[in-house]
Amino acid sequence: MAMKNAPAGTIRYWAAARAAAGTQEEPYAAATLAEALDAARRRHTARPEFARVLMRCSFLVDGTPVGTRDHTTIQLAEGGTVEVLPPFAGG
């Protein structure tokens, strides 16, 4: 659950993540990336593909790749942006 005075920002979905979410972007109010993603999963329970796609995505927080870092350790900022990037085909 997000904290009462948690930072607020925007989650942007790209490609397959956008299709699975049914939206290009939505707000977050969360202190960590893990909290923001948990809240997004709860918002999209009617779209089971969303949780599956999210498991395969990589994330940028304010332009910085998250990589393999634990999402509970990634602090979100007021006015920040989380980019949700599904795996891309090609090379």
N, C-alpha and C. Protein backbone atom coordinates (compact mmCIF):
# COMPACT_ATOMS: atom_id res chain seq x y z
N MET A 1 0.85 -1.17 0.00
CA MET A 1 0.00 0.00 0.00
C MET A 1 0.90 1.24 0.00
N ALA A 2 0.53 2.22 -0.80
CA ALA A 2 1.32 3.44 -0.87
C ALA A 2 1.17 4.24 0.43
N MET A 3 2.22 4.95 0.79
CA MET A 3 2.18 5.78 1.99
C MET A 3 1.30 7.00 1.71
N LYS A 4 0.75 7.56 2.77
CA LYS A 4 -0.17 8.69 2.63
C LYS A 4 0.48 9.86 1.90
N ASN A 5 1.70 10.20 2.24
CA ASN A 5 2.39 11.32 1.61
C ASN A 5 3.47 10.84 0.64
N ALA A 6 3.18 9.76 -0.05
CA ALA A 6 4.15 9.21 -0.98
C ALA A 6 4.32 10.14 -2.18
N PRO A 7 5.50 10.13 -2.78
CA PRO A 7 5.72 10.93 -3.98
C PRO A 7 4.74 10.53 -5.08
N ALA A 8 4.36 11.50 -5.90
CA ALA A 8 3.45 11.25 -7.01
C ALA A 8 4.17 11.53 -8.32
N GLY A 9 3.90 10.69 -9.30
CA GLY A 9 4.51 10.86 -10.63
C GLY A 9 3.71 10.11 -11.66
N THR A 10 4.38 9.72 -12.74
CA THR A 10 3.72 9.10 -13.88
C THR A 10 4.40 7.78 -14.24
N ILE A 11 3.59 6.77 -14.52
CA ILE A 11 4.07 5.52 -15.10
C ILE A 11 3.71 5.57 -16.57
N ARG A 12 4.69 5.37 -17.45
CA ARG A 12 4.45 5.32 -18.90
C ARG A 12 4.69 3.91 -19.39
N TYR A 13 3.73 3.43 -20.17
CA TYR A 13 3.80 2.08 -20.72
C TYR A 13 4.14 2.15 -22.20
N TRP A 14 5.00 1.25 -22.66
CA TRP A 14 5.42 1.20 -24.05
C TRP A 14 5.06 -0.14 -24.68
N ALA A 15 4.71 -0.12 -25.95
CA ALA A 15 4.49 -1.30 -26.79
C ALA A 15 3.54 -2.32 -26.14
N ALA A 16 4.00 -3.55 -25.93
CA ALA A 16 3.14 -4.61 -25.37
C ALA A 16 2.65 -4.25 -23.97
N ALA A 17 3.43 -3.51 -23.20
CA ALA A 17 2.99 -3.10 -21.87
C ALA A 17 1.81 -2.13 -21.98
N ARG A 18 1.85 -1.24 -22.97
CA ARG A 18 0.74 -0.31 -23.19
C ARG A 18 -0.51 -1.08 -23.58
N ALA A 19 -0.36 -2.04 -24.48
CA ALA A 19 -1.52 -2.85 -24.90
C ALA A 19 -2.10 -3.62 -23.72
N ALA A 20 -1.25 -4.19 -22.90
CA ALA A 20 -1.73 -4.98 -21.75
C ALA A 20 -2.39 -4.11 -20.70
N ALA A 21 -1.88 -2.89 -20.50
CA ALA A 21 -2.45 -1.98 -19.51
C ALA A 21 -3.72 -1.30 -20.03
N GLY A 22 -3.82 -1.18 -21.34
CA GLY A 22 -4.96 -0.49 -21.93
C GLY A 22 -4.86 1.02 -21.80
N THR A 23 -3.67 1.51 -21.50
CA THR A 23 -3.45 2.95 -21.36
C THR A 23 -1.98 3.25 -21.64
N GLN A 24 -1.72 4.47 -22.07
CA GLN A 24 -0.34 4.88 -22.34
C GLN A 24 0.37 5.28 -21.06
N GLU A 25 -0.36 5.90 -20.13
CA GLU A 25 0.26 6.30 -18.88
C GLU A 25 -0.79 6.45 -17.80
N GLU A 26 -0.32 6.43 -16.56
CA GLU A 26 -1.20 6.61 -15.41
C GLU A 26 -0.36 7.13 -14.25
N PRO A 27 -1.00 7.74 -13.26
CA PRO A 27 -0.25 8.30 -12.14
C PRO A 27 0.19 7.23 -11.14
N TYR A 28 1.23 7.53 -10.40
CA TYR A 28 1.59 6.72 -9.24
C TYR A 28 1.64 7.62 -8.02
N ALA A 29 1.43 7.02 -6.87
CA ALA A 29 1.68 7.65 -5.58
C ALA A 29 2.32 6.56 -4.74
N ALA A 30 3.64 6.52 -4.75
CA ALA A 30 4.38 5.43 -4.11
C ALA A 30 5.78 5.88 -3.76
N ALA A 31 6.32 5.31 -2.71
CA ALA A 31 7.68 5.66 -2.28
C ALA A 31 8.74 4.86 -3.05
N THR A 32 8.38 3.63 -3.49
CA THR A 32 9.34 2.78 -4.18
C THR A 32 8.74 2.24 -5.47
N LEU A 33 9.61 1.77 -6.33
CA LEU A 33 9.16 1.15 -7.58
C LEU A 33 8.28 -0.06 -7.29
N ALA A 34 8.64 -0.86 -6.29
CA ALA A 34 7.84 -2.03 -5.94
C ALA A 34 6.41 -1.63 -5.57
N GLU A 35 6.26 -0.57 -4.77
CA GLU A 35 4.92 -0.11 -4.39
C GLU A 35 4.13 0.37 -5.60
N ALA A 36 4.78 1.11 -6.49
CA ALA A 36 4.10 1.62 -7.69
C ALA A 36 3.63 0.47 -8.58
N LEU A 37 4.48 -0.55 -8.75
CA LEU A 37 4.11 -1.68 -9.60
C LEU A 37 3.03 -2.54 -8.96
N ASP A 38 3.09 -2.72 -7.65
CA ASP A 38 2.03 -3.46 -6.95
C ASP A 38 0.69 -2.77 -7.12
N ALA A 39 0.67 -1.44 -6.99
CA ALA A 39 -0.57 -0.69 -7.16
C ALA A 39 -1.07 -0.80 -8.59
N ALA A 40 -0.17 -0.76 -9.56
CA ALA A 40 -0.57 -0.90 -10.97
C ALA A 40 -1.18 -2.28 -11.22
N ARG A 41 -0.56 -3.33 -10.65
CA ARG A 41 -1.12 -4.68 -10.80
C ARG A 41 -2.54 -4.74 -10.23
N ARG A 42 -2.75 -4.13 -9.08
CA ARG A 42 -4.10 -4.12 -8.48
C ARG A 42 -5.10 -3.37 -9.36
N ARG A 43 -4.66 -2.26 -9.97
CA ARG A 43 -5.56 -1.49 -10.84
C ARG A 43 -5.97 -2.26 -12.08
N HIS A 44 -5.11 -3.17 -12.52
CA HIS A 44 -5.35 -3.87 -13.79
C HIS A 44 -5.68 -5.35 -13.61
N THR A 45 -6.30 -5.71 -12.49
CA THR A 45 -6.62 -7.13 -12.27
C THR A 45 -7.59 -7.67 -13.32
N ALA A 46 -8.38 -6.82 -13.92
CA ALA A 46 -9.31 -7.27 -14.98
C ALA A 46 -8.56 -7.59 -16.28
N ARG A 47 -7.28 -7.28 -16.34
CA ARG A 47 -6.45 -7.55 -17.52
C ARG A 47 -5.32 -8.49 -17.11
N PRO A 48 -5.58 -9.80 -17.07
CA PRO A 48 -4.57 -10.74 -16.56
C PRO A 48 -3.25 -10.70 -17.34
N GLU A 49 -3.28 -10.33 -18.61
CA GLU A 49 -2.06 -10.27 -19.40
C GLU A 49 -1.11 -9.20 -18.85
N PHE A 50 -1.65 -8.18 -18.20
CA PHE A 50 -0.83 -7.09 -17.68
C PHE A 50 0.24 -7.60 -16.72
N ALA A 51 -0.15 -8.41 -15.74
CA ALA A 51 0.81 -8.93 -14.75
C ALA A 51 1.86 -9.80 -15.43
N ARG A 52 1.46 -10.58 -16.44
CA ARG A 52 2.42 -11.42 -17.16
C ARG A 52 3.43 -10.57 -17.92
N VAL A 53 2.94 -9.54 -18.61
CA VAL A 53 3.84 -8.67 -19.38
C VAL A 53 4.79 -7.94 -18.43
N LEU A 54 4.27 -7.45 -17.31
CA LEU A 54 5.08 -6.70 -16.35
C LEU A 54 6.27 -7.52 -15.86
N MET A 55 6.09 -8.82 -15.71
CA MET A 55 7.17 -9.69 -15.23
C MET A 55 8.36 -9.72 -16.21
N ARG A 56 8.10 -9.46 -17.49
CA ARG A 56 9.16 -9.52 -18.50
C ARG A 56 9.75 -8.15 -18.83
N CYS A 57 9.20 -7.11 -18.25
CA CYS A 57 9.61 -5.74 -18.60
C CYS A 57 10.88 -5.30 -17.89
N SER A 58 11.51 -4.31 -18.49
CA SER A 58 12.57 -3.58 -17.79
C SER A 58 12.02 -2.19 -17.50
N PHE A 59 12.69 -1.50 -16.59
CA PHE A 59 12.17 -0.24 -16.09
C PHE A 59 13.25 0.83 -16.07
N LEU A 60 12.84 2.04 -16.39
CA LEU A 60 13.68 3.22 -16.22
C LEU A 60 12.98 4.09 -15.20
N VAL A 61 13.71 4.58 -14.23
CA VAL A 61 13.16 5.52 -13.24
C VAL A 61 13.89 6.84 -13.44
N ASP A 62 13.15 7.83 -13.88
CA ASP A 62 13.73 9.15 -14.18
C ASP A 62 14.94 9.02 -15.11
N GLY A 63 14.80 8.14 -16.11
CA GLY A 63 15.83 7.98 -17.12
C GLY A 63 16.95 7.02 -16.78
N THR A 64 16.96 6.49 -15.56
CA THR A 64 18.02 5.58 -15.12
C THR A 64 17.53 4.14 -15.15
N PRO A 65 18.24 3.25 -15.86
CA PRO A 65 17.82 1.85 -15.89
C PRO A 65 17.88 1.21 -14.50
N VAL A 66 16.84 0.45 -14.18
CA VAL A 66 16.77 -0.25 -12.89
C VAL A 66 17.63 -1.50 -12.92
N GLY A 67 17.65 -2.18 -14.05
CA GLY A 67 18.43 -3.41 -14.18
C GLY A 67 17.95 -4.47 -13.21
N THR A 68 18.87 -5.14 -12.54
CA THR A 68 18.52 -6.25 -11.65
C THR A 68 18.36 -5.81 -10.20
N ARG A 69 18.41 -4.50 -9.93
CA ARG A 69 18.26 -4.04 -8.55
C ARG A 69 16.88 -4.38 -8.00
N ASP A 70 16.82 -4.66 -6.72
CA ASP A 70 15.58 -4.96 -6.02
C ASP A 70 14.65 -3.75 -6.10
N HIS A 71 13.43 -3.97 -6.60
CA HIS A 71 12.49 -2.87 -6.79
C HIS A 71 12.10 -2.19 -5.47
N THR A 72 12.25 -2.90 -4.35
CA THR A 72 11.93 -2.27 -3.06
C THR A 72 12.98 -1.24 -2.66
N THR A 73 14.14 -1.26 -3.32
CA THR A 73 15.22 -0.32 -2.98
C THR A 73 15.24 0.89 -3.92
N ILE A 74 14.39 0.91 -4.92
CA ILE A 74 14.37 2.00 -5.90
C ILE A 74 13.39 3.07 -5.42
N GLN A 75 13.92 4.19 -4.95
CA GLN A 75 13.09 5.28 -4.44
C GLN A 75 12.52 6.10 -5.59
N LEU A 76 11.24 6.47 -5.48
CA LEU A 76 10.61 7.30 -6.49
C LEU A 76 10.56 8.74 -6.00
N ALA A 77 10.61 9.67 -6.95
CA ALA A 77 10.64 11.10 -6.63
C ALA A 77 9.31 11.76 -6.97
N GLU A 78 9.02 12.83 -6.29
CA GLU A 78 7.87 13.67 -6.62
C GLU A 78 8.04 14.18 -8.05
N GLY A 79 7.01 13.98 -8.87
CA GLY A 79 7.07 14.43 -10.26
C GLY A 79 7.91 13.53 -11.16
N GLY A 80 8.28 12.36 -10.65
CA GLY A 80 9.13 11.45 -11.40
C GLY A 80 8.38 10.67 -12.47
N THR A 81 9.15 9.90 -13.24
CA THR A 81 8.59 9.08 -14.31
C THR A 81 9.18 7.68 -14.25
N VAL A 82 8.29 6.70 -14.33
CA VAL A 82 8.68 5.30 -14.45
C VAL A 82 8.32 4.86 -15.87
N GLU A 83 9.29 4.41 -16.63
CA GLU A 83 9.06 3.91 -17.98
C GLU A 83 9.04 2.39 -17.91
N VAL A 84 7.99 1.79 -18.47
CA VAL A 84 7.82 0.33 -18.47
C VAL A 84 8.08 -0.15 -19.90
N LEU A 85 9.19 -0.87 -20.07
CA LEU A 85 9.66 -1.27 -21.40
C LEU A 85 9.63 -2.78 -21.55
N PRO A 86 8.73 -3.30 -22.39
CA PRO A 86 8.72 -4.74 -22.63
C PRO A 86 9.93 -5.14 -23.47
N PRO A 87 10.24 -6.43 -23.50
CA PRO A 87 11.36 -6.87 -24.35
C PRO A 87 11.03 -6.56 -25.82
N PHE A 88 12.00 -6.10 -26.55
CA PHE A 88 11.78 -5.78 -27.96
C PHE A 88 12.41 -6.84 -28.82
N ALA A 89 11.73 -7.20 -29.91
CA ALA A 89 12.26 -8.18 -30.87
C ALA A 89 13.24 -7.47 -31.79
N GLY A 90 14.08 -8.26 -32.43
CA GLY A 90 15.01 -7.68 -33.39
C GLY A 90 16.38 -7.48 -32.79
N GLY A 91 17.19 -6.77 -33.52
CA GLY A 91 18.53 -6.55 -33.00
C GLY A 91 19.41 -5.82 -33.94
